Amino acid sequence: MPIPGNLLTTAMAVMPQTDVRQALDLALTLDIPFWPQLPNSSYYEDMYVQAAEHFPGIVLDMDQRTLRFSLPKFIDEFEETMSRFDDPAYFDISEQYSVVYHDFLSRDLAGRPAIRGQLEGPVSFGFNILDQDDRPILFDDTIRPFMFEFMAKRINVQLARLKERNPNAFMFIDEPGMQFIFSAMSGYNDQQAKADLDAFLATVDGPRGIHLCGNPDWEFMLGLDLDILSLDISTNAEIFASCTGSIRKFLDRGGVLVWGIVPTGYEVFAKESLGLLAMKLEGIWQHLGKNGIDLELLLDRSLLSPATCCLVNPDRGKTVENAFTLVNHLSQMLRVKYKLA
């Protein structure tokens, strides 16, 4: 089934709340709900830690809140991992690693237009996890292919679980580190990334997409074999809107864009209003329309969301809660205006 568009709402998964029920109830206020990731409530709820479950060689220190990799430990644990490679339960997220995920799966989600899950992507995971020599495991030619295969398995298992709750489920592959592959200093260039990601996405069940809040090469991102791309348009509007040709091709092949338009930072959010956000968003759409992108097609293939995650607001979760409310109001207003309701 296709991912719905028509300016329905969803959001980023990482949230500042510490109360599981409160966070999940908030996620369920959106048209397309998801299970929140709550690192402030437990280190197990951190997106990197969740992705690392059962990955051989991982050294997790809950007291120090650190996540590392040891090659000798990887060698010791690799055979056990391979012996469980056809066991879906082994690749699912356990209740220890996410109480929220299992609470989400217990809810009645069948009547929603879609539901969504997520897992940290291999590029960001590989950049973030350092080995015993303080080197990102993404640079290890032995570990990297296994890491892509391992993460694909985990994504597919989670998607299968979600589809049991709603057949129109899809997955976000969270890739905040994707922007770094376009730096000359990264040590992992876009040609390597393109080859690895093409092979990776070919093994990932659909629908699937990438979510990131940074500013990568948007032409590169739009050229990947994705069903959905989620971005912070609030910050990256001008540079993203300049990629008209790639955006048109992405939409023409059925891709959906998630416009992250409502800021979640305390000070920035205080300066916004419903009218200003609508004006910003419609300004981008008008620019794209002048460059040959049909507005009706664009709206049909668009979702709305807050712009980014934010864990450091002085009011803790209140601004994020307000951003969820505002994105719902923005959706309702624009859906009425463009006769999508």
Foldseek 3Di string as FASTA:
>chain_A
DAQFFLAFAAADAEAQDQDLVVVQVLQVVGLAREQHQHCNNALLSDQLNQQCQLQFQWDADRVVSDIAGEPVRNVVSVVVCVVCLVPLVSLERDCVSPVRLVVVLVDQPAPGSEYEYEHAALVQSQCRHAYPVRHRNCLPPVVNLVSLVSSLSSQQSSQVSRCVRYVRYFYEHECQPQQVQPDPPNNHHPVNVLVSQQVSVVSHDDQYAYEYEDDHQVLSRLPHPHQEYEYQCCPVVPVNLVPLVSVQVSLVVNHAYEYQQQELAPVVNVPDDLVVSLVVVVVSVVSSVVVPRDSVSNRRRYYYYHRDYDNDHPVRRPSVSVSSVSSNVSSVVVCVVVVVD
